Amino acid sequence: MTKFQKSLLILLLMGLFGLVYTTIKPSFAKSDMPDEGSAVGFTKLFYQRYMQALARNDFDQIKPDHLQQYLTPSLVKLLTKSENSKGGLDEDYFIKAQDYLDDWVTHIQAREMKATQNSADISVTLGENEPQQLEVHLKAHNHRWCINSVKISRAK
């Protein structure tokens, strides 16, 4: 087999592996994201994917380095530092809880609280029976929405 044929075979195998991997393993694929102009759509889809990954115990999908394209660089840095610290994280940053209820995975609501061209505040409600209400602050970064912070909503 010539060097060219080996290179071609490797490229074909890599392409096949990539196709199989993205078909089998659902993730936060860029093509799954809604129009970057929709802060509410971005946030709702992010939480749908995030909660599904939690429910599947797919912890690789929810690590800061995997989510970095959906987070501001400052949030990635904060989460990575907290994750690697002696005590680690006391709670899941994105749901502001140590655990979640089953209906948080299937009942996700998002609505705009305030928005400008470069930032948006989105209210997220997880669940119906005992809902968790969050305020998600987005910033425009590299021409798309990125999560900059999450906190518990004061309005219950």
N, C-alpha and C. Protein backbone atom coordinates (compact mmCIF):
# COMPACT_ATOMS: atom_id res chain seq x y z
N MET A 1 0.85 -1.17 0.00
CA MET A 1 0.00 0.00 0.00
C MET A 1 0.90 1.24 0.00
N THR A 2 0.62 2.18 -0.88
CA THR A 2 1.44 3.38 -0.98
C THR A 2 1.13 4.33 0.17
N LYS A 3 2.00 5.30 0.37
CA LYS A 3 1.82 6.29 1.42
C LYS A 3 0.52 7.08 1.19
N PHE A 4 0.25 7.41 -0.07
CA PHE A 4 -0.98 8.12 -0.42
C PHE A 4 -2.21 7.30 -0.07
N GLN A 5 -2.19 6.02 -0.39
CA GLN A 5 -3.33 5.15 -0.09
C GLN A 5 -3.54 5.02 1.42
N LYS A 6 -2.45 4.92 2.18
CA LYS A 6 -2.55 4.85 3.64
C LYS A 6 -3.18 6.13 4.19
N SER A 7 -2.73 7.26 3.68
CA SER A 7 -3.27 8.54 4.14
C SER A 7 -4.75 8.65 3.81
N LEU A 8 -5.11 8.23 2.62
CA LEU A 8 -6.51 8.26 2.21
C LEU A 8 -7.36 7.35 3.09
N LEU A 9 -6.85 6.17 3.38
CA LEU A 9 -7.57 5.22 4.23
C LEU A 9 -7.75 5.79 5.64
N ILE A 10 -6.73 6.41 6.18
CA ILE A 10 -6.82 7.01 7.51
C ILE A 10 -7.87 8.12 7.51
N LEU A 11 -7.88 8.97 6.49
CA LEU A 11 -8.87 10.04 6.40
C LEU A 11 -10.29 9.48 6.32
N LEU A 12 -10.47 8.44 5.52
CA LEU A 12 -11.79 7.81 5.40
C LEU A 12 -12.24 7.20 6.72
N LEU A 13 -11.34 6.54 7.42
CA LEU A 13 -11.68 5.94 8.72
C LEU A 13 -12.00 7.01 9.76
N MET A 14 -11.25 8.11 9.74
CA MET A 14 -11.53 9.20 10.67
C MET A 14 -12.90 9.80 10.39
N GLY A 15 -13.23 9.98 9.12
CA GLY A 15 -14.55 10.50 8.75
C GLY A 15 -15.66 9.56 9.17
N LEU A 16 -15.46 8.28 8.97
CA LEU A 16 -16.45 7.28 9.37
C LEU A 16 -16.63 7.28 10.88
N PHE A 17 -15.51 7.33 11.63
CA PHE A 17 -15.59 7.37 13.09
C PHE A 17 -16.36 8.61 13.54
N GLY A 18 -16.06 9.75 12.95
CA GLY A 18 -16.76 10.99 13.31
C GLY A 18 -18.24 10.89 13.06
N LEU A 19 -18.63 10.32 11.94
CA LEU A 19 -20.04 10.16 11.61
C LEU A 19 -20.73 9.23 12.60
N VAL A 20 -20.12 8.11 12.90
CA VAL A 20 -20.70 7.15 13.84
C VAL A 20 -20.78 7.77 15.23
N TYR A 21 -19.72 8.45 15.68
CA TYR A 21 -19.68 9.04 17.01
C TYR A 21 -20.78 10.08 17.20
N THR A 22 -20.94 10.98 16.23
CA THR A 22 -21.96 12.02 16.37
C THR A 22 -23.36 11.46 16.23
N THR A 23 -23.52 10.34 15.53
CA THR A 23 -24.84 9.71 15.40
C THR A 23 -25.23 9.00 16.68
N ILE A 24 -24.29 8.31 17.31
CA ILE A 24 -24.58 7.52 18.50
C ILE A 24 -24.61 8.37 19.76
N LYS A 25 -23.72 9.30 19.90
CA LYS A 25 -23.56 10.04 21.14
C LYS A 25 -24.14 11.44 21.00
N PRO A 26 -25.36 11.68 21.50
CA PRO A 26 -25.93 13.01 21.42
C PRO A 26 -25.11 13.98 22.26
N SER A 27 -24.97 15.17 21.78
CA SER A 27 -24.19 16.15 22.52
C SER A 27 -24.70 17.54 22.20
N PHE A 28 -23.95 18.51 22.63
CA PHE A 28 -24.28 19.90 22.38
C PHE A 28 -23.71 20.29 21.02
N ALA A 29 -24.15 19.63 19.96
CA ALA A 29 -23.62 19.89 18.62
C ALA A 29 -24.05 21.27 18.15
N LYS A 30 -23.17 21.96 17.48
CA LYS A 30 -23.43 23.32 17.01
C LYS A 30 -24.68 23.37 16.13
N SER A 31 -24.89 22.37 15.30
CA SER A 31 -26.05 22.37 14.40
C SER A 31 -27.36 22.24 15.16
N ASP A 32 -27.31 21.80 16.43
CA ASP A 32 -28.52 21.68 17.23
C ASP A 32 -28.96 23.00 17.81
N MET A 33 -28.09 23.97 17.82
CA MET A 33 -28.41 25.23 18.46
C MET A 33 -29.34 26.06 17.57
N PRO A 34 -30.30 26.75 18.19
CA PRO A 34 -31.21 27.59 17.41
C PRO A 34 -30.50 28.83 16.90
N ASP A 35 -31.22 29.65 16.20
CA ASP A 35 -30.71 30.91 15.69
C ASP A 35 -30.01 31.66 16.82
N GLU A 36 -28.77 32.10 16.56
CA GLU A 36 -28.00 32.78 17.59
C GLU A 36 -28.67 34.07 18.06
N GLY A 37 -29.61 34.60 17.28
CA GLY A 37 -30.33 35.79 17.69
C GLY A 37 -31.36 35.52 18.77
N SER A 38 -31.69 34.26 18.99
CA SER A 38 -32.71 33.89 19.96
C SER A 38 -32.08 33.50 21.29
N ALA A 39 -31.99 34.46 22.20
CA ALA A 39 -31.42 34.18 23.51
C ALA A 39 -32.27 33.16 24.27
N VAL A 40 -33.58 33.28 24.17
CA VAL A 40 -34.48 32.35 24.85
C VAL A 40 -34.33 30.95 24.26
N GLY A 41 -34.31 30.83 22.94
CA GLY A 41 -34.16 29.54 22.28
C GLY A 41 -32.83 28.88 22.62
N PHE A 42 -31.76 29.66 22.63
CA PHE A 42 -30.44 29.15 22.99
C PHE A 42 -30.45 28.59 24.41
N THR A 43 -31.02 29.37 25.33
CA THR A 43 -31.03 28.99 26.74
C THR A 43 -31.88 27.75 26.97
N LYS A 44 -33.06 27.70 26.36
CA LYS A 44 -33.94 26.55 26.55
C LYS A 44 -33.29 25.28 26.00
N LEU A 45 -32.71 25.36 24.82
CA LEU A 45 -32.08 24.18 24.23
C LEU A 45 -30.85 23.76 25.04
N PHE A 46 -30.09 24.73 25.53
CA PHE A 46 -28.94 24.40 26.38
C PHE A 46 -29.42 23.60 27.59
N TYR A 47 -30.46 24.06 28.26
CA TYR A 47 -30.95 23.36 29.45
C TYR A 47 -31.57 22.01 29.11
N GLN A 48 -32.23 21.91 27.97
CA GLN A 48 -32.76 20.60 27.57
C GLN A 48 -31.61 19.60 27.41
N ARG A 49 -30.58 20.00 26.69
CA ARG A 49 -29.43 19.12 26.47
C ARG A 49 -28.70 18.83 27.78
N TYR A 50 -28.53 19.85 28.59
CA TYR A 50 -27.81 19.70 29.85
C TYR A 50 -28.53 18.73 30.78
N MET A 51 -29.84 18.92 30.92
CA MET A 51 -30.62 18.05 31.82
C MET A 51 -30.67 16.61 31.29
N GLN A 52 -30.73 16.46 29.97
CA GLN A 52 -30.71 15.11 29.39
C GLN A 52 -29.37 14.43 29.67
N ALA A 53 -28.28 15.18 29.57
CA ALA A 53 -26.95 14.62 29.87
C ALA A 53 -26.86 14.23 31.35
N LEU A 54 -27.41 15.06 32.24
CA LEU A 54 -27.43 14.71 33.66
C LEU A 54 -28.23 13.43 33.88
N ALA A 55 -29.39 13.35 33.25
CA ALA A 55 -30.26 12.17 33.43
C ALA A 55 -29.59 10.89 32.93
N ARG A 56 -28.74 11.00 31.91
CA ARG A 56 -28.03 9.84 31.37
C ARG A 56 -26.73 9.56 32.13
N ASN A 57 -26.43 10.41 33.12
CA ASN A 57 -25.15 10.33 33.85
C ASN A 57 -23.97 10.47 32.89
N ASP A 58 -24.13 11.28 31.87
CA ASP A 58 -23.09 11.51 30.87
C ASP A 58 -22.28 12.74 31.31
N PHE A 59 -21.45 12.53 32.32
CA PHE A 59 -20.75 13.65 32.95
C PHE A 59 -19.69 14.28 32.05
N ASP A 60 -19.19 13.54 31.07
CA ASP A 60 -18.23 14.13 30.13
C ASP A 60 -18.87 15.27 29.34
N GLN A 61 -20.16 15.13 29.04
CA GLN A 61 -20.87 16.15 28.25
C GLN A 61 -21.08 17.45 29.01
N ILE A 62 -20.98 17.42 30.35
CA ILE A 62 -21.29 18.62 31.13
C ILE A 62 -20.07 19.21 31.82
N LYS A 63 -18.89 18.77 31.42
CA LYS A 63 -17.67 19.36 31.96
C LYS A 63 -17.42 20.70 31.28
N PRO A 64 -16.83 21.66 32.01
CA PRO A 64 -16.60 22.99 31.43
C PRO A 64 -15.84 22.97 30.11
N ASP A 65 -14.84 22.08 29.97
CA ASP A 65 -14.07 22.06 28.73
C ASP A 65 -14.92 21.61 27.54
N HIS A 66 -15.93 20.77 27.78
CA HIS A 66 -16.81 20.35 26.70
C HIS A 66 -17.86 21.42 26.38
N LEU A 67 -18.25 22.18 27.38
CA LEU A 67 -19.29 23.20 27.21
C LEU A 67 -18.74 24.56 26.84
N GLN A 68 -17.43 24.69 26.71
CA GLN A 68 -16.83 26.02 26.57
C GLN A 68 -17.36 26.84 25.40
N GLN A 69 -17.83 26.21 24.35
CA GLN A 69 -18.36 27.00 23.23
C GLN A 69 -19.71 27.65 23.57
N TYR A 70 -20.32 27.24 24.67
CA TYR A 70 -21.60 27.81 25.09
C TYR A 70 -21.48 28.71 26.30
N LEU A 71 -20.25 28.86 26.79
CA LEU A 71 -19.99 29.65 28.00
C LEU A 71 -18.99 30.75 27.69
N THR A 72 -19.08 31.85 28.43
CA THR A 72 -18.07 32.89 28.28
C THR A 72 -16.74 32.36 28.82
N PRO A 73 -15.63 32.88 28.30
CA PRO A 73 -14.32 32.43 28.81
C PRO A 73 -14.19 32.62 30.32
N SER A 74 -14.75 33.70 30.86
CA SER A 74 -14.64 33.93 32.30
C SER A 74 -15.40 32.87 33.10
N LEU A 75 -16.54 32.40 32.59
CA LEU A 75 -17.28 31.35 33.29
C LEU A 75 -16.55 30.01 33.19
N VAL A 76 -15.96 29.71 32.04
CA VAL A 76 -15.18 28.47 31.90
C VAL A 76 -14.04 28.49 32.91
N LYS A 77 -13.37 29.62 33.03
CA LYS A 77 -12.24 29.74 33.96
C LYS A 77 -12.72 29.55 35.41
N LEU A 78 -13.82 30.17 35.77
CA LEU A 78 -14.38 30.04 37.12
C LEU A 78 -14.76 28.59 37.44
N LEU A 79 -15.46 27.94 36.51
CA LEU A 79 -15.90 26.56 36.73
C LEU A 79 -14.72 25.60 36.81
N THR A 80 -13.75 25.79 35.94
CA THR A 80 -12.57 24.92 35.94
C THR A 80 -11.80 25.08 37.25
N LYS A 81 -11.65 26.32 37.69
CA LYS A 81 -10.95 26.59 38.95
C LYS A 81 -11.71 25.97 40.12
N SER A 82 -13.02 26.13 40.15
CA SER A 82 -13.83 25.57 41.23
C SER A 82 -13.80 24.05 41.22
N GLU A 83 -13.89 23.47 40.03
CA GLU A 83 -13.90 22.01 39.89
C GLU A 83 -12.58 21.40 40.36
N ASN A 84 -11.48 22.11 40.13
CA ASN A 84 -10.17 21.60 40.48
C ASN A 84 -9.71 22.01 41.88
N SER A 85 -10.53 22.78 42.58
CA SER A 85 -10.15 23.22 43.92
C SER A 85 -10.28 22.06 44.91
N LYS A 86 -9.73 22.26 46.09
CA LYS A 86 -9.71 21.23 47.12
C LYS A 86 -11.11 20.73 47.45
N GLY A 87 -12.05 21.62 47.65
CA GLY A 87 -13.41 21.23 48.04
C GLY A 87 -14.31 20.90 46.87
N GLY A 88 -13.90 21.25 45.66
CA GLY A 88 -14.75 21.03 44.49
C GLY A 88 -15.98 21.93 44.53
N LEU A 89 -17.01 21.53 43.83
CA LEU A 89 -18.25 22.31 43.79
C LEU A 89 -19.25 21.72 44.79
N ASP A 90 -19.95 22.59 45.51
CA ASP A 90 -20.97 22.14 46.47
C ASP A 90 -22.28 21.79 45.78
N GLU A 91 -22.47 22.36 44.60
CA GLU A 91 -23.72 22.15 43.87
C GLU A 91 -23.42 22.22 42.38
N ASP A 92 -24.36 21.75 41.58
CA ASP A 92 -24.24 21.88 40.13
C ASP A 92 -24.45 23.35 39.78
N TYR A 93 -23.50 23.93 39.11
CA TYR A 93 -23.56 25.37 38.82
C TYR A 93 -24.79 25.75 38.01
N PHE A 94 -25.17 24.95 37.04
CA PHE A 94 -26.24 25.33 36.11
C PHE A 94 -27.64 25.11 36.64
N ILE A 95 -27.79 24.26 37.66
CA ILE A 95 -29.12 24.06 38.23
C ILE A 95 -29.20 24.58 39.66
N LYS A 96 -28.07 24.98 40.21
CA LYS A 96 -27.99 25.53 41.57
C LYS A 96 -28.59 24.57 42.59
N ALA A 97 -28.24 23.31 42.47
CA ALA A 97 -28.71 22.27 43.38
C ALA A 97 -27.72 21.11 43.34
N GLN A 98 -27.75 20.30 44.40
CA GLN A 98 -26.89 19.11 44.43
C GLN A 98 -27.51 17.96 43.63
N ASP A 99 -28.82 17.97 43.48
CA ASP A 99 -29.52 16.93 42.76
C ASP A 99 -30.72 17.58 42.06
N TYR A 100 -31.43 16.82 41.27
CA TYR A 100 -32.56 17.37 40.54
C TYR A 100 -33.75 16.41 40.63
N LEU A 101 -34.93 16.95 40.41
CA LEU A 101 -36.13 16.14 40.36
C LEU A 101 -36.34 15.65 38.93
N ASP A 102 -37.02 14.51 38.78
CA ASP A 102 -37.23 13.93 37.45
C ASP A 102 -37.90 14.89 36.48
N ASP A 103 -38.87 15.67 36.97
CA ASP A 103 -39.59 16.55 36.04
C ASP A 103 -38.77 17.78 35.61
N TRP A 104 -37.61 17.99 36.22
CA TRP A 104 -36.73 19.07 35.76
C TRP A 104 -36.18 18.75 34.38
N VAL A 105 -36.10 17.47 34.04
CA VAL A 105 -35.55 17.05 32.75
C VAL A 105 -36.58 17.28 31.64
N THR A 106 -37.85 17.09 31.95
CA THR A 106 -38.90 17.13 30.92
C THR A 106 -39.69 18.43 30.88
N HIS A 107 -39.63 19.23 31.91
CA HIS A 107 -40.38 20.49 31.96
C HIS A 107 -39.41 21.65 32.14
N ILE A 108 -39.08 22.27 31.02
CA ILE A 108 -38.13 23.39 31.03
C ILE A 108 -38.78 24.56 30.32
N GLN A 109 -38.89 25.66 31.04
CA GLN A 109 -39.46 26.88 30.46
C GLN A 109 -38.40 27.97 30.50
N ALA A 110 -38.39 28.80 29.48
CA ALA A 110 -37.47 29.93 29.42
C ALA A 110 -38.22 31.14 28.89
N ARG A 111 -37.97 32.29 29.51
CA ARG A 111 -38.58 33.53 29.02
C ARG A 111 -37.60 34.67 29.22
N GLU A 112 -37.70 35.62 28.33
CA GLU A 112 -36.81 36.77 28.38
C GLU A 112 -37.25 37.73 29.48
N MET A 113 -36.29 38.15 30.29
CA MET A 113 -36.54 39.16 31.32
C MET A 113 -36.09 40.53 30.81
N LYS A 114 -34.91 40.56 30.20
CA LYS A 114 -34.33 41.81 29.71
C LYS A 114 -33.31 41.45 28.64
N ALA A 115 -33.24 42.26 27.59
CA ALA A 115 -32.26 41.96 26.54
C ALA A 115 -31.79 43.23 25.87
N THR A 116 -30.52 43.21 25.51
CA THR A 116 -29.93 44.25 24.68
C THR A 116 -29.23 43.53 23.54
N GLN A 117 -28.53 44.27 22.72
CA GLN A 117 -27.83 43.65 21.60
C GLN A 117 -26.69 42.74 22.08
N ASN A 118 -26.10 43.06 23.25
CA ASN A 118 -24.93 42.32 23.71
C ASN A 118 -25.16 41.46 24.95
N SER A 119 -26.34 41.53 25.54
CA SER A 119 -26.59 40.72 26.74
C SER A 119 -28.07 40.43 26.87
N ALA A 120 -28.37 39.40 27.65
CA ALA A 120 -29.78 39.04 27.88
C ALA A 120 -29.88 38.35 29.24
N ASP A 121 -30.98 38.60 29.91
CA ASP A 121 -31.30 37.91 31.16
C ASP A 121 -32.52 37.05 30.88
N ILE A 122 -32.36 35.76 31.10
CA ILE A 122 -33.41 34.79 30.79
C ILE A 122 -33.85 34.11 32.09
N SER A 123 -35.15 34.03 32.30
CA SER A 123 -35.70 33.30 33.43
C SER A 123 -35.92 31.86 32.98
N VAL A 124 -35.39 30.92 33.75
CA VAL A 124 -35.53 29.50 33.44
C VAL A 124 -36.22 28.82 34.61
N THR A 125 -37.25 28.05 34.30
CA THR A 125 -37.94 27.26 35.31
C THR A 125 -37.78 25.80 34.96
N LEU A 126 -37.23 25.05 35.90
CA LEU A 126 -37.05 23.60 35.74
C LEU A 126 -38.11 22.90 36.58
N GLY A 127 -38.94 22.08 35.94
CA GLY A 127 -39.94 21.31 36.66
C GLY A 127 -41.24 22.05 36.90
N GLU A 128 -42.23 21.30 37.39
CA GLU A 128 -43.56 21.85 37.68
C GLU A 128 -43.94 21.67 39.14
N ASN A 129 -43.71 20.47 39.69
CA ASN A 129 -44.17 20.17 41.05
C ASN A 129 -43.43 20.99 42.10
N GLU A 130 -42.13 20.93 42.08
CA GLU A 130 -41.28 21.75 42.95
C GLU A 130 -40.26 22.43 42.05
N PRO A 131 -40.69 23.49 41.36
CA PRO A 131 -39.82 24.08 40.34
C PRO A 131 -38.58 24.77 40.92
N GLN A 132 -37.54 24.72 40.12
CA GLN A 132 -36.32 25.46 40.41
C GLN A 132 -36.30 26.64 39.45
N GLN A 133 -36.27 27.85 40.01
CA GLN A 133 -36.29 29.05 39.17
C GLN A 133 -34.92 29.70 39.17
N LEU A 134 -34.42 29.93 37.95
CA LEU A 134 -33.08 30.44 37.76
C LEU A 134 -33.09 31.71 36.93
N GLU A 135 -32.07 32.52 37.10
CA GLU A 135 -31.82 33.66 36.22
C GLU A 135 -30.50 33.37 35.51
N VAL A 136 -30.56 33.32 34.19
CA VAL A 136 -29.38 33.02 33.39
C VAL A 136 -28.99 34.30 32.64
N HIS A 137 -27.77 34.74 32.86
CA HIS A 137 -27.27 35.94 32.19
C HIS A 137 -26.41 35.52 31.01
N LEU A 138 -26.78 35.98 29.83
CA LEU A 138 -26.05 35.68 28.60
C LEU A 138 -25.29 36.91 28.14
N LYS A 139 -24.17 36.67 27.48
CA LYS A 139 -23.42 37.73 26.82
C LYS A 139 -23.14 37.29 25.39
N ALA A 140 -23.13 38.25 24.50
CA ALA A 140 -22.73 37.97 23.13
C ALA A 140 -21.22 37.81 23.12
N HIS A 141 -20.75 36.69 22.56
CA HIS A 141 -19.32 36.41 22.49
C HIS A 141 -19.06 35.71 21.16
N ASN A 142 -18.16 36.26 20.36
CA ASN A 142 -17.86 35.69 19.04
C ASN A 142 -19.12 35.51 18.21
N HIS A 143 -19.98 36.49 18.22
CA HIS A 143 -21.20 36.54 17.40
C HIS A 143 -22.23 35.48 17.76
N ARG A 144 -22.23 35.02 19.00
CA ARG A 144 -23.25 34.07 19.45
C ARG A 144 -23.48 34.27 20.94
N TRP A 145 -24.59 33.75 21.42
CA TRP A 145 -24.90 33.84 22.85
C TRP A 145 -24.04 32.85 23.62
N CYS A 146 -23.59 33.29 24.80
CA CYS A 146 -22.85 32.43 25.72
C CYS A 146 -23.35 32.71 27.13
N ILE A 147 -23.43 31.67 27.93
CA ILE A 147 -23.85 31.83 29.32
C ILE A 147 -22.71 32.45 30.10
N ASN A 148 -23.01 33.52 30.84
CA ASN A 148 -22.02 34.21 31.64
C ASN A 148 -22.21 33.95 33.13
N SER A 149 -23.46 33.74 33.55
CA SER A 149 -23.70 33.43 34.97
C SER A 149 -25.09 32.84 35.14
N VAL A 150 -25.25 32.11 36.22
CA VAL A 150 -26.54 31.52 36.60
C VAL A 150 -26.73 31.75 38.08
N LYS A 151 -27.91 32.18 38.47
CA LYS A 151 -28.20 32.33 39.89
C LYS A 151 -29.65 31.95 40.17
N ILE A 152 -29.95 31.68 41.42
CA ILE A 152 -31.31 31.39 41.83
C ILE A 152 -32.14 32.66 41.65
N SER A 153 -33.33 32.50 41.14
CA SER A 153 -34.21 33.64 40.94
C SER A 153 -34.77 34.11 42.28
N ARG A 154 -34.83 35.40 42.45
CA ARG A 154 -35.40 35.96 43.69
C ARG A 154 -36.93 35.89 43.64
N ALA A 155 -37.49 35.96 42.45
CA ALA A 155 -38.95 35.92 42.29
C ALA A 155 -39.40 34.48 42.23
N LYS A 156 -40.06 34.01 43.26
CA LYS A 156 -40.54 32.62 43.28
C LYS A 156 -42.03 32.58 43.08
